[in-house]
Amino acid sequence: MFIFTAKLTRKKLAVGIGAAGALLIGLIVLMSSGGGAEASAATSPSPKGVKTAEDRVAYLTAHGWAANAESEECQEVVIPKAFDSAFEEYNALQKGQGFDLSKHKGRRIKRYIYLIENHPSGRSPVYASLLIHKNTVIGGDLQNPALDGFIQGFERNGRLSP
C-alpha cells in the first residue's frame, strides 16, 4: 500500500484553480469555434442561401447523397392552405427533420428534383426533392416512386417509410 501526502497551501490551490479554469476556457473556445473538421461534419448543412443548382447539389451532398446535377427538374407548386391527412403525414416527416410546411400554407414555392445515385436500398430510381422558398430549403424528401416504394427525410440513416 502506498500513501501519498501533500501540503496544500493557498498559493498551490490558487494555481490549481487557475490552471483548471484556463483549461475549461480553452475547451469552450475550441467547441464554440467548431471543434475542427469532425465537429463541423456532424452538423447539418444550413438550409439558407440555397440559390443555384450547385448550392442545391451541395446541400444534398452534405447529407451524404450523390445527386445527378444533370437530372434537375424544377416545378412550381403551391403548399395547400388546408392540409388533408396525407399532407399532415408528409408534414410530420418534415417536422422530424426540422422543417414545418404549415408555416408556408398557400405559398408558391419551387420544387427541385434530382436523381440520387447512391441510395443504400439499391432501389432505382430514387429521387430527392428540395422544397425552396426565397433561397431557403423549407422541406424535402427522398423517395422511390414504385408501388412498394418508400419516402424518407434527408438523413442517410433516416427510417424508410413504405
N, C-alpha and C. Protein backbone atom coordinates (compact mmCIF):
# COMPACT_ATOMS: atom_id res chain seq x y z
N MET A 1 0.85 -1.16 0.00
CA MET A 1 0.00 0.00 0.00
C MET A 1 0.90 1.23 0.00
N PHE A 2 0.52 2.21 -0.85
CA PHE A 2 1.27 3.45 -0.92
C PHE A 2 0.42 4.57 -0.35
N ILE A 3 1.06 5.44 0.35
CA ILE A 3 0.38 6.62 0.89
C ILE A 3 1.09 7.83 0.35
N PHE A 4 0.33 8.74 -0.22
CA PHE A 4 0.87 9.97 -0.77
C PHE A 4 0.28 11.12 0.01
N THR A 5 1.12 11.98 0.48
CA THR A 5 0.64 13.16 1.20
C THR A 5 1.22 14.40 0.54
N ALA A 6 0.48 15.46 0.62
CA ALA A 6 0.95 16.74 0.08
C ALA A 6 0.38 17.85 0.94
N LYS A 7 1.18 18.88 1.08
CA LYS A 7 0.73 20.03 1.83
C LYS A 7 0.11 21.02 0.84
N LEU A 8 -1.13 21.34 1.04
CA LEU A 8 -1.85 22.23 0.14
C LEU A 8 -1.89 23.62 0.75
N THR A 9 -1.21 24.53 0.09
CA THR A 9 -1.22 25.92 0.56
C THR A 9 -2.21 26.71 -0.29
N ARG A 10 -2.52 27.89 0.15
CA ARG A 10 -3.44 28.75 -0.62
C ARG A 10 -2.86 29.05 -2.00
N LYS A 11 -1.56 29.24 -2.08
CA LYS A 11 -0.93 29.54 -3.36
C LYS A 11 -1.08 28.37 -4.33
N LYS A 12 -0.83 27.14 -3.86
CA LYS A 12 -0.98 25.95 -4.70
C LYS A 12 -2.44 25.77 -5.12
N LEU A 13 -3.35 26.02 -4.22
CA LEU A 13 -4.78 25.92 -4.53
C LEU A 13 -5.17 26.93 -5.60
N ALA A 14 -4.68 28.16 -5.48
CA ALA A 14 -4.99 29.21 -6.45
C ALA A 14 -4.43 28.86 -7.82
N VAL A 15 -3.19 28.34 -7.86
CA VAL A 15 -2.58 27.95 -9.13
C VAL A 15 -3.38 26.80 -9.76
N GLY A 16 -3.78 25.82 -8.96
CA GLY A 16 -4.57 24.69 -9.47
C GLY A 16 -5.91 25.13 -10.02
N ILE A 17 -6.59 26.02 -9.31
CA ILE A 17 -7.89 26.52 -9.78
C ILE A 17 -7.70 27.34 -11.06
N GLY A 18 -6.64 28.14 -11.11
CA GLY A 18 -6.35 28.94 -12.31
C GLY A 18 -6.08 28.06 -13.52
N ALA A 19 -5.30 26.99 -13.32
CA ALA A 19 -5.00 26.08 -14.43
C ALA A 19 -6.26 25.37 -14.91
N ALA A 20 -7.08 24.93 -13.97
CA ALA A 20 -8.33 24.27 -14.35
C ALA A 20 -9.25 25.24 -15.10
N GLY A 21 -9.31 26.48 -14.65
CA GLY A 21 -10.13 27.50 -15.32
C GLY A 21 -9.63 27.77 -16.73
N ALA A 22 -8.30 27.87 -16.90
CA ALA A 22 -7.72 28.11 -18.23
C ALA A 22 -8.04 26.94 -19.16
N LEU A 23 -7.94 25.72 -18.66
CA LEU A 23 -8.27 24.54 -19.45
C LEU A 23 -9.74 24.56 -19.87
N LEU A 24 -10.61 24.91 -18.94
CA LEU A 24 -12.05 24.98 -19.24
C LEU A 24 -12.34 26.05 -20.28
N ILE A 25 -11.74 27.22 -20.16
CA ILE A 25 -11.95 28.29 -21.14
C ILE A 25 -11.43 27.85 -22.50
N GLY A 26 -10.29 27.18 -22.54
CA GLY A 26 -9.76 26.68 -23.81
C GLY A 26 -10.70 25.69 -24.48
N LEU A 27 -11.30 24.81 -23.70
CA LEU A 27 -12.26 23.85 -24.25
C LEU A 27 -13.50 24.56 -24.78
N ILE A 28 -13.98 25.55 -24.07
CA ILE A 28 -15.16 26.30 -24.51
C ILE A 28 -14.87 27.02 -25.82
N VAL A 29 -13.72 27.67 -25.92
CA VAL A 29 -13.35 28.37 -27.15
C VAL A 29 -13.23 27.38 -28.31
N LEU A 30 -12.61 26.23 -28.07
CA LEU A 30 -12.45 25.22 -29.11
C LEU A 30 -13.81 24.71 -29.58
N MET A 31 -14.71 24.45 -28.67
CA MET A 31 -16.04 23.93 -29.03
C MET A 31 -16.87 24.99 -29.75
N SER A 32 -16.78 26.24 -29.34
CA SER A 32 -17.59 27.27 -29.97
C SER A 32 -17.07 27.64 -31.35
N SER A 33 -15.80 27.37 -31.63
CA SER A 33 -15.24 27.67 -32.95
C SER A 33 -15.45 26.52 -33.91
N GLY A 34 -16.16 25.49 -33.55
CA GLY A 34 -16.46 24.40 -34.45
C GLY A 34 -15.78 23.12 -34.08
N GLY A 35 -14.72 23.18 -33.32
CA GLY A 35 -14.06 21.96 -32.86
C GLY A 35 -13.36 21.17 -33.94
N GLY A 36 -13.07 21.78 -35.08
CA GLY A 36 -12.34 21.06 -36.12
C GLY A 36 -13.28 20.42 -37.12
N ALA A 37 -12.70 19.64 -38.03
CA ALA A 37 -13.45 19.05 -39.12
C ALA A 37 -14.47 18.04 -38.64
N GLU A 38 -14.15 17.28 -37.60
CA GLU A 38 -15.08 16.26 -37.14
C GLU A 38 -16.36 16.88 -36.61
N ALA A 39 -16.26 17.98 -35.88
CA ALA A 39 -17.45 18.61 -35.33
C ALA A 39 -18.29 19.24 -36.43
N SER A 40 -17.65 19.88 -37.42
CA SER A 40 -18.43 20.52 -38.47
C SER A 40 -19.08 19.50 -39.38
N ALA A 41 -18.47 18.32 -39.55
CA ALA A 41 -19.07 17.28 -40.38
C ALA A 41 -20.31 16.70 -39.73
N ALA A 42 -20.40 16.78 -38.41
CA ALA A 42 -21.53 16.20 -37.70
C ALA A 42 -22.75 17.13 -37.72
N THR A 43 -22.57 18.39 -38.06
CA THR A 43 -23.69 19.31 -38.06
C THR A 43 -24.41 19.26 -39.40
N SER A 44 -25.68 19.59 -39.41
CA SER A 44 -26.46 19.60 -40.63
C SER A 44 -26.11 20.84 -41.45
N PRO A 45 -26.21 20.74 -42.77
CA PRO A 45 -25.94 21.90 -43.60
C PRO A 45 -27.03 22.96 -43.41
N SER A 46 -26.66 24.20 -43.63
CA SER A 46 -27.62 25.29 -43.47
C SER A 46 -28.62 25.26 -44.62
N PRO A 47 -29.90 25.37 -44.31
CA PRO A 47 -30.91 25.41 -45.38
C PRO A 47 -31.01 26.79 -46.04
N LYS A 48 -30.29 27.78 -45.53
CA LYS A 48 -30.37 29.14 -46.07
C LYS A 48 -29.32 29.36 -47.14
N GLY A 49 -29.61 30.28 -48.06
CA GLY A 49 -28.66 30.64 -49.11
C GLY A 49 -28.52 29.59 -50.20
N VAL A 50 -29.55 28.81 -50.43
CA VAL A 50 -29.53 27.77 -51.47
C VAL A 50 -30.13 28.40 -52.73
N LYS A 51 -29.25 29.04 -53.53
CA LYS A 51 -29.71 29.85 -54.67
C LYS A 51 -29.55 29.15 -56.01
N THR A 52 -28.45 28.43 -56.19
CA THR A 52 -28.11 27.88 -57.51
C THR A 52 -28.21 26.36 -57.50
N ALA A 53 -28.09 25.80 -58.70
CA ALA A 53 -28.07 24.33 -58.83
C ALA A 53 -26.90 23.75 -58.05
N GLU A 54 -25.76 24.43 -58.07
CA GLU A 54 -24.59 23.96 -57.32
C GLU A 54 -24.89 23.95 -55.82
N ASP A 55 -25.59 24.98 -55.34
CA ASP A 55 -25.96 25.04 -53.92
C ASP A 55 -26.89 23.88 -53.56
N ARG A 56 -27.84 23.59 -54.43
CA ARG A 56 -28.80 22.51 -54.15
C ARG A 56 -28.10 21.15 -54.11
N VAL A 57 -27.23 20.90 -55.09
CA VAL A 57 -26.49 19.65 -55.12
C VAL A 57 -25.57 19.57 -53.90
N ALA A 58 -24.94 20.69 -53.52
CA ALA A 58 -24.06 20.71 -52.35
C ALA A 58 -24.86 20.42 -51.08
N TYR A 59 -26.09 20.91 -50.99
CA TYR A 59 -26.94 20.65 -49.83
C TYR A 59 -27.20 19.14 -49.70
N LEU A 60 -27.53 18.51 -50.81
CA LEU A 60 -27.78 17.06 -50.79
C LEU A 60 -26.49 16.29 -50.51
N THR A 61 -25.38 16.75 -51.08
CA THR A 61 -24.09 16.11 -50.85
C THR A 61 -23.71 16.19 -49.37
N ALA A 62 -24.00 17.31 -48.73
CA ALA A 62 -23.69 17.47 -47.31
C ALA A 62 -24.47 16.47 -46.46
N HIS A 63 -25.59 16.00 -46.97
CA HIS A 63 -26.37 14.97 -46.28
C HIS A 63 -25.90 13.57 -46.67
N GLY A 64 -24.93 13.48 -47.59
CA GLY A 64 -24.37 12.19 -47.96
C GLY A 64 -24.93 11.60 -49.25
N TRP A 65 -25.67 12.39 -50.03
CA TRP A 65 -26.30 11.87 -51.23
C TRP A 65 -25.55 12.31 -52.48
N ALA A 66 -25.45 11.42 -53.45
CA ALA A 66 -24.85 11.73 -54.75
C ALA A 66 -25.99 12.07 -55.70
N ALA A 67 -26.22 13.38 -55.87
CA ALA A 67 -27.30 13.85 -56.73
C ALA A 67 -26.75 14.09 -58.13
N ASN A 68 -27.46 13.60 -59.14
CA ASN A 68 -27.08 13.82 -60.52
C ASN A 68 -27.56 15.21 -60.93
N ALA A 69 -26.62 16.15 -61.05
CA ALA A 69 -26.96 17.55 -61.34
C ALA A 69 -27.66 17.70 -62.69
N GLU A 70 -27.32 16.83 -63.64
CA GLU A 70 -27.92 16.92 -64.98
C GLU A 70 -29.38 16.48 -64.99
N SER A 71 -29.82 15.80 -63.95
CA SER A 71 -31.20 15.31 -63.91
C SER A 71 -32.16 16.34 -63.32
N GLU A 72 -31.67 17.51 -62.95
CA GLU A 72 -32.50 18.50 -62.26
C GLU A 72 -33.78 18.84 -63.02
N GLU A 73 -34.87 18.82 -62.28
CA GLU A 73 -36.17 19.30 -62.77
C GLU A 73 -36.67 20.33 -61.78
N CYS A 74 -37.37 21.32 -62.28
CA CYS A 74 -37.93 22.35 -61.40
C CYS A 74 -39.42 22.48 -61.67
N GLN A 75 -40.18 22.50 -60.58
CA GLN A 75 -41.63 22.67 -60.67
C GLN A 75 -42.04 23.77 -59.71
N GLU A 76 -43.03 24.53 -60.10
CA GLU A 76 -43.62 25.50 -59.17
C GLU A 76 -44.84 24.84 -58.57
N VAL A 77 -44.90 24.79 -57.25
CA VAL A 77 -46.02 24.16 -56.56
C VAL A 77 -46.56 25.13 -55.52
N VAL A 78 -47.78 24.86 -55.09
CA VAL A 78 -48.41 25.66 -54.05
C VAL A 78 -48.64 24.76 -52.85
N ILE A 79 -48.18 25.20 -51.69
CA ILE A 79 -48.46 24.47 -50.45
C ILE A 79 -49.95 24.68 -50.17
N PRO A 80 -50.71 23.61 -49.96
CA PRO A 80 -52.15 23.79 -49.74
C PRO A 80 -52.45 24.64 -48.51
N LYS A 81 -53.55 25.39 -48.59
CA LYS A 81 -53.97 26.22 -47.44
C LYS A 81 -54.53 25.35 -46.33
N ALA A 82 -55.13 24.22 -46.71
CA ALA A 82 -55.67 23.28 -45.73
C ALA A 82 -55.03 21.92 -45.99
N PHE A 83 -54.46 21.32 -44.96
CA PHE A 83 -53.80 20.03 -45.10
C PHE A 83 -54.79 18.89 -44.90
N ASP A 84 -54.81 17.94 -45.84
CA ASP A 84 -55.57 16.72 -45.62
C ASP A 84 -54.70 15.76 -44.81
N SER A 85 -55.21 14.56 -44.54
CA SER A 85 -54.46 13.63 -43.67
C SER A 85 -53.13 13.21 -44.31
N ALA A 86 -53.12 13.04 -45.63
CA ALA A 86 -51.87 12.65 -46.31
C ALA A 86 -50.82 13.76 -46.19
N PHE A 87 -51.25 15.01 -46.34
CA PHE A 87 -50.29 16.10 -46.25
C PHE A 87 -49.85 16.32 -44.80
N GLU A 88 -50.74 16.05 -43.85
CA GLU A 88 -50.35 16.12 -42.43
C GLU A 88 -49.26 15.09 -42.14
N GLU A 89 -49.41 13.89 -42.72
CA GLU A 89 -48.41 12.84 -42.53
C GLU A 89 -47.08 13.25 -43.17
N TYR A 90 -47.16 13.85 -44.37
CA TYR A 90 -45.94 14.33 -45.02
C TYR A 90 -45.29 15.44 -44.20
N ASN A 91 -46.11 16.33 -43.64
CA ASN A 91 -45.56 17.41 -42.81
C ASN A 91 -44.94 16.86 -41.53
N ALA A 92 -45.45 15.74 -41.02
CA ALA A 92 -44.83 15.10 -39.86
C ALA A 92 -43.41 14.65 -40.20
N LEU A 93 -43.20 14.13 -41.42
CA LEU A 93 -41.86 13.78 -41.88
C LEU A 93 -40.98 15.04 -41.91
N GLN A 94 -41.55 16.14 -42.39
CA GLN A 94 -40.80 17.39 -42.46
C GLN A 94 -40.43 17.90 -41.06
N LYS A 95 -41.38 17.83 -40.15
CA LYS A 95 -41.12 18.27 -38.78
C LYS A 95 -40.03 17.42 -38.14
N GLY A 96 -39.97 16.14 -38.49
CA GLY A 96 -38.95 15.25 -37.97
C GLY A 96 -37.55 15.62 -38.40
N GLN A 97 -37.45 16.41 -39.47
CA GLN A 97 -36.13 16.85 -39.91
C GLN A 97 -35.95 18.36 -39.75
N GLY A 98 -36.81 18.97 -38.91
CA GLY A 98 -36.62 20.37 -38.55
C GLY A 98 -37.34 21.38 -39.42
N PHE A 99 -38.20 20.93 -40.31
CA PHE A 99 -38.98 21.84 -41.15
C PHE A 99 -40.44 21.81 -40.70
N ASP A 100 -41.22 22.77 -41.18
CA ASP A 100 -42.66 22.78 -40.88
C ASP A 100 -43.37 23.50 -42.02
N LEU A 101 -44.01 22.73 -42.88
CA LEU A 101 -44.68 23.32 -44.05
C LEU A 101 -45.93 24.10 -43.69
N SER A 102 -46.47 23.91 -42.49
CA SER A 102 -47.67 24.66 -42.11
C SER A 102 -47.38 26.16 -42.03
N LYS A 103 -46.12 26.53 -41.88
CA LYS A 103 -45.75 27.95 -41.88
C LYS A 103 -45.83 28.55 -43.28
N HIS A 104 -45.97 27.70 -44.29
CA HIS A 104 -45.94 28.16 -45.68
C HIS A 104 -47.25 27.87 -46.41
N LYS A 105 -48.33 27.65 -45.68
CA LYS A 105 -49.62 27.35 -46.31
C LYS A 105 -50.01 28.44 -47.30
N GLY A 106 -50.42 28.00 -48.50
CA GLY A 106 -50.87 28.92 -49.54
C GLY A 106 -49.75 29.56 -50.36
N ARG A 107 -48.50 29.31 -50.04
CA ARG A 107 -47.38 29.94 -50.76
C ARG A 107 -46.99 29.14 -51.99
N ARG A 108 -46.54 29.89 -53.00
CA ARG A 108 -45.93 29.28 -54.19
C ARG A 108 -44.46 29.06 -53.87
N ILE A 109 -44.00 27.86 -54.12
CA ILE A 109 -42.60 27.53 -53.87
C ILE A 109 -42.05 26.79 -55.08
N LYS A 110 -40.75 26.57 -55.06
CA LYS A 110 -40.10 25.78 -56.10
C LYS A 110 -39.76 24.40 -55.54
N ARG A 111 -39.99 23.40 -56.35
CA ARG A 111 -39.62 22.02 -56.00
C ARG A 111 -38.57 21.57 -57.01
N TYR A 112 -37.36 21.33 -56.52
CA TYR A 112 -36.27 20.85 -57.37
C TYR A 112 -36.10 19.36 -57.13
N ILE A 113 -36.02 18.60 -58.22
CA ILE A 113 -35.95 17.14 -58.14
C ILE A 113 -34.64 16.68 -58.77
N TYR A 114 -33.95 15.77 -58.06
CA TYR A 114 -32.69 15.21 -58.54
C TYR A 114 -32.71 13.69 -58.42
N LEU A 115 -32.08 13.03 -59.36
CA LEU A 115 -31.89 11.59 -59.29
C LEU A 115 -30.74 11.32 -58.32
N ILE A 116 -30.97 10.43 -57.37
CA ILE A 116 -29.95 10.05 -56.38
C ILE A 116 -29.30 8.76 -56.85
N GLU A 117 -27.97 8.76 -56.87
CA GLU A 117 -27.23 7.64 -57.44
C GLU A 117 -26.60 6.72 -56.40
N ASN A 118 -26.77 7.01 -55.11
CA ASN A 118 -26.08 6.18 -54.10
C ASN A 118 -26.98 5.78 -52.94
N HIS A 119 -28.25 5.52 -53.20
CA HIS A 119 -29.14 5.15 -52.11
C HIS A 119 -28.82 3.71 -51.67
N PRO A 120 -28.68 3.48 -50.36
CA PRO A 120 -28.28 2.16 -49.88
C PRO A 120 -29.33 1.06 -50.10
N SER A 121 -30.56 1.43 -50.43
CA SER A 121 -31.59 0.41 -50.65
C SER A 121 -31.33 -0.38 -51.94
N GLY A 122 -30.57 0.22 -52.86
CA GLY A 122 -30.34 -0.43 -54.14
C GLY A 122 -31.51 -0.28 -55.09
N ARG A 123 -32.59 0.37 -54.61
CA ARG A 123 -33.77 0.58 -55.45
C ARG A 123 -33.48 1.68 -56.46
N SER A 124 -34.14 1.59 -57.60
CA SER A 124 -33.95 2.60 -58.63
C SER A 124 -35.28 2.81 -59.33
N PRO A 125 -35.65 4.03 -59.59
CA PRO A 125 -34.94 5.25 -59.26
C PRO A 125 -35.26 5.73 -57.84
N VAL A 126 -34.36 6.54 -57.30
CA VAL A 126 -34.60 7.26 -56.05
C VAL A 126 -34.41 8.73 -56.36
N TYR A 127 -35.40 9.53 -56.01
CA TYR A 127 -35.36 10.96 -56.28
C TYR A 127 -35.30 11.75 -54.98
N ALA A 128 -34.56 12.86 -55.03
CA ALA A 128 -34.56 13.81 -53.93
C ALA A 128 -35.37 15.02 -54.37
N SER A 129 -36.24 15.49 -53.50
CA SER A 129 -37.00 16.71 -53.74
C SER A 129 -36.58 17.74 -52.72
N LEU A 130 -36.24 18.93 -53.20
CA LEU A 130 -35.94 20.06 -52.32
C LEU A 130 -37.04 21.08 -52.51
N LEU A 131 -37.70 21.43 -51.42
CA LEU A 131 -38.74 22.46 -51.44
C LEU A 131 -38.08 23.77 -51.01
N ILE A 132 -38.10 24.77 -51.90
CA ILE A 132 -37.35 26.00 -51.66
C ILE A 132 -38.26 27.22 -51.79
N HIS A 133 -38.13 28.11 -50.79
CA HIS A 133 -38.83 29.39 -50.81
C HIS A 133 -37.82 30.47 -50.44
N LYS A 134 -37.68 31.45 -51.31
CA LYS A 134 -36.75 32.57 -51.09
C LYS A 134 -35.34 32.08 -50.74
N ASN A 135 -34.81 31.18 -51.58
CA ASN A 135 -33.44 30.65 -51.44
C ASN A 135 -33.20 29.91 -50.13
N THR A 136 -34.26 29.38 -49.52
CA THR A 136 -34.15 28.62 -48.28
C THR A 136 -34.87 27.29 -48.45
N VAL A 137 -34.19 26.20 -48.07
CA VAL A 137 -34.84 24.89 -48.09
C VAL A 137 -35.85 24.88 -46.95
N ILE A 138 -37.12 24.63 -47.30
CA ILE A 138 -38.18 24.59 -46.28
C ILE A 138 -38.71 23.18 -46.08
N GLY A 139 -38.16 22.22 -46.85
CA GLY A 139 -38.59 20.84 -46.71
C GLY A 139 -38.04 20.02 -47.85
N GLY A 140 -38.39 18.75 -47.85
CA GLY A 140 -37.97 17.87 -48.91
C GLY A 140 -37.91 16.43 -48.45
N ASP A 141 -37.54 15.56 -49.37
CA ASP A 141 -37.52 14.13 -49.07
C ASP A 141 -36.73 13.38 -50.12
N LEU A 142 -36.54 12.10 -49.85
CA LEU A 142 -36.03 11.15 -50.83
C LEU A 142 -37.11 10.09 -50.97
N GLN A 143 -37.34 9.66 -52.21
CA GLN A 143 -38.39 8.66 -52.40
C GLN A 143 -38.14 7.80 -53.62
N ASN A 144 -38.68 6.59 -53.53
CA ASN A 144 -38.74 5.66 -54.64
C ASN A 144 -40.21 5.60 -55.01
N PRO A 145 -40.56 5.97 -56.25
CA PRO A 145 -41.98 6.10 -56.61
C PRO A 145 -42.71 4.80 -56.93
N ALA A 146 -42.08 3.66 -56.77
CA ALA A 146 -42.74 2.38 -57.05
C ALA A 146 -43.92 2.17 -56.09
N LEU A 147 -44.84 1.27 -56.45
CA LEU A 147 -46.00 1.00 -55.59
C LEU A 147 -45.56 0.54 -54.20
N ASP A 148 -44.48 -0.21 -54.13
CA ASP A 148 -43.96 -0.65 -52.83
C ASP A 148 -42.72 0.18 -52.44
N GLY A 149 -42.67 1.41 -52.93
CA GLY A 149 -41.53 2.29 -52.69
C GLY A 149 -41.50 2.85 -51.28
N PHE A 150 -40.70 3.88 -51.11
CA PHE A 150 -40.51 4.47 -49.79
C PHE A 150 -40.38 5.98 -49.91
N ILE A 151 -40.49 6.62 -48.77
CA ILE A 151 -40.22 8.05 -48.65
C ILE A 151 -39.48 8.23 -47.33
N GLN A 152 -38.48 9.10 -47.33
CA GLN A 152 -37.70 9.34 -46.13
C GLN A 152 -37.17 10.77 -46.14
N GLY A 153 -36.65 11.20 -45.01
CA GLY A 153 -36.01 12.50 -44.90
C GLY A 153 -34.62 12.48 -45.51
N PHE A 154 -33.92 13.61 -45.38
CA PHE A 154 -32.60 13.76 -45.99
C PHE A 154 -31.50 12.95 -45.32
N GLU A 155 -31.63 12.67 -44.03
CA GLU A 155 -30.55 11.98 -43.32
C GLU A 155 -30.34 10.59 -43.88
N ARG A 156 -29.08 10.23 -44.13
CA ARG A 156 -28.77 8.91 -44.71
C ARG A 156 -29.23 7.77 -43.83
N ASN A 157 -29.20 7.97 -42.52
CA ASN A 157 -29.62 6.90 -41.62
C ASN A 157 -31.09 7.03 -41.24
N GLY A 158 -31.83 7.83 -42.02
CA GLY A 158 -33.24 8.02 -41.73
C GLY A 158 -34.04 6.75 -41.98
N ARG A 159 -35.17 6.66 -41.31
CA ARG A 159 -36.02 5.48 -41.42
C ARG A 159 -36.78 5.51 -42.73
N LEU A 160 -36.85 4.38 -43.41
CA LEU A 160 -37.61 4.27 -44.63
C LEU A 160 -39.06 4.00 -44.30
N SER A 161 -39.95 4.74 -44.94
CA SER A 161 -41.38 4.57 -44.71
C SER A 161 -42.01 4.02 -45.97
N PRO A 162 -42.66 2.86 -45.90
CA PRO A 162 -43.31 2.31 -47.10
C PRO A 162 -44.51 3.14 -47.51
